Amino acid sequence: QRVFQSIPLRPQRIFILGAGFFKRVFINTLLSIAALFTSEKVIDRIRFVELEDVKKDVEDESLPVYVGGQGGGLRSHEDLIAWIKMRLETIYRVPDI
């Protein structure tokens, strides 16, 4: 849970797409173990879904291009690198003690 709280994002949902039966069993096993160390609220946000279900909840502007979205405003690899650098520069730095 500390790791989840340290992420500068607060995802409301975590979608898992394209997981077959064995992958679902494996992931559910991992989630069962993770549930011992995190709150139920975090675990409840994780869902196995199909792409159509994601498109109902997520705007096309935020979906990756390879699933028919607009890529979240990132048109190229260079845009992604620039966005990551910008985000890293804005993270609060903890002073040395």
Protein backbone atom coordinates (compact mmCIF):
# COMPACT_ATOMS: atom_id res chain seq x y z
CA GLN A 1 0.00 0.00 0.00
CA ARG A 2 2.89 2.38 0.67
CA VAL A 3 4.09 1.86 -2.88
CA PHE A 4 0.61 2.63 -4.22
CA GLN A 5 0.42 5.79 -2.10
CA SER A 6 3.85 6.97 -3.26
CA ILE A 7 2.83 6.98 -6.93
CA PRO A 8 1.97 10.55 -8.00
CA LEU A 9 -1.16 9.23 -9.75
CA ARG A 10 -4.35 8.03 -8.13
CA PRO A 11 -5.85 5.56 -10.60
CA GLN A 12 -9.55 5.02 -10.12
CA ARG A 13 -9.55 1.83 -12.18
CA ILE A 14 -6.90 -0.58 -13.37
CA PHE A 15 -7.98 -2.53 -16.45
CA ILE A 16 -6.46 -5.85 -17.47
CA LEU A 17 -7.18 -6.61 -21.13
CA GLY A 18 -6.74 -9.78 -23.13
CA ALA A 19 -6.00 -12.13 -20.26
CA GLY A 20 -6.87 -15.73 -21.01
CA PHE A 21 -8.00 -18.24 -18.40
CA PHE A 22 -4.53 -19.24 -17.17
CA LYS A 23 -3.33 -15.65 -17.02
CA ARG A 24 -6.42 -14.71 -15.01
CA VAL A 25 -5.78 -17.54 -12.56
CA PHE A 26 -2.14 -16.46 -12.20
CA ILE A 27 -3.03 -12.77 -11.77
CA ASN A 28 -5.82 -13.57 -9.30
CA THR A 29 -3.33 -15.61 -7.27
CA LEU A 30 -0.95 -12.65 -7.18
CA LEU A 31 -3.82 -10.33 -6.23
CA SER A 32 -4.82 -12.68 -3.40
CA ILE A 33 -1.30 -12.44 -2.02
CA ALA A 34 -1.21 -8.66 -2.53
CA ALA A 35 -4.56 -8.35 -0.73
CA LEU A 36 -2.80 -9.37 2.48
CA PHE A 37 -0.65 -6.22 2.31
CA THR A 38 -2.96 -3.61 0.81
CA SER A 39 -6.43 -2.25 1.32
CA GLU A 40 -9.48 -3.83 -0.25
CA LYS A 41 -10.20 -0.53 -1.97
CA VAL A 42 -7.05 -0.83 -4.10
CA ILE A 43 -7.74 -4.45 -5.03
CA ASP A 44 -11.35 -3.63 -5.98
CA ARG A 45 -10.10 -1.16 -8.60
CA ILE A 46 -8.48 -3.94 -10.64
CA ARG A 47 -10.79 -5.42 -13.29
CA PHE A 48 -10.54 -7.94 -16.12
CA VAL A 49 -12.35 -6.36 -19.08
CA GLU A 50 -12.72 -6.36 -22.84
CA LEU A 51 -11.73 -3.37 -24.97
CA GLU A 52 -15.36 -2.33 -25.49
CA ASP A 53 -15.78 -1.96 -21.71
CA VAL A 54 -12.69 0.25 -21.50
CA LYS A 55 -13.96 2.46 -24.31
CA LYS A 56 -17.11 3.12 -22.27
CA ASP A 57 -15.07 4.46 -19.34
CA VAL A 58 -12.04 6.05 -21.04
CA GLU A 59 -12.20 8.83 -23.63
CA ASP A 60 -10.71 8.17 -27.08
CA GLU A 61 -8.24 11.00 -26.49
CA SER A 62 -6.63 9.00 -23.67
CA LEU A 63 -6.55 5.57 -25.30
CA PRO A 64 -3.38 4.36 -27.05
CA VAL A 65 -3.29 4.68 -30.83
CA TYR A 66 -3.00 0.90 -31.36
CA VAL A 67 -6.50 0.38 -29.90
CA GLY A 68 -8.13 3.16 -31.88
CA GLY A 69 -7.50 6.09 -29.55
CA GLN A 70 -5.59 9.31 -30.01
CA GLY A 71 -2.64 8.37 -27.83
CA GLY A 72 -3.24 10.75 -24.95
CA GLY A 73 -1.73 13.64 -26.91
CA LEU A 74 1.56 11.79 -27.41
CA ARG A 75 2.14 11.53 -31.16
CA SER A 76 5.66 10.15 -31.20
CA HIS A 77 8.36 8.51 -29.15
CA GLU A 78 10.01 11.92 -28.73
CA ASP A 79 6.77 13.33 -27.28
CA LEU A 80 6.74 10.50 -24.74
CA ILE A 81 10.35 11.13 -23.72
CA ALA A 82 9.67 14.87 -23.36
CA TRP A 83 6.58 14.17 -21.23
CA ILE A 84 8.50 11.77 -18.95
CA LYS A 85 11.31 14.30 -18.48
CA MET A 86 8.79 17.03 -17.66
CA ARG A 87 7.06 14.79 -15.09
CA LEU A 88 10.37 13.78 -13.48
CA GLU A 89 11.36 17.44 -13.13
CA THR A 90 8.11 18.24 -11.30
CA ILE A 91 8.38 15.45 -8.72
CA TYR A 92 9.01 16.81 -5.25
CA ARG A 93 12.58 16.15 -4.23
CA VAL A 94 13.29 15.12 -0.63
CA PRO A 95 16.22 17.08 0.82
CA ASP A 96 19.24 15.15 2.08
CA ILE A 97 19.41 14.87 5.86
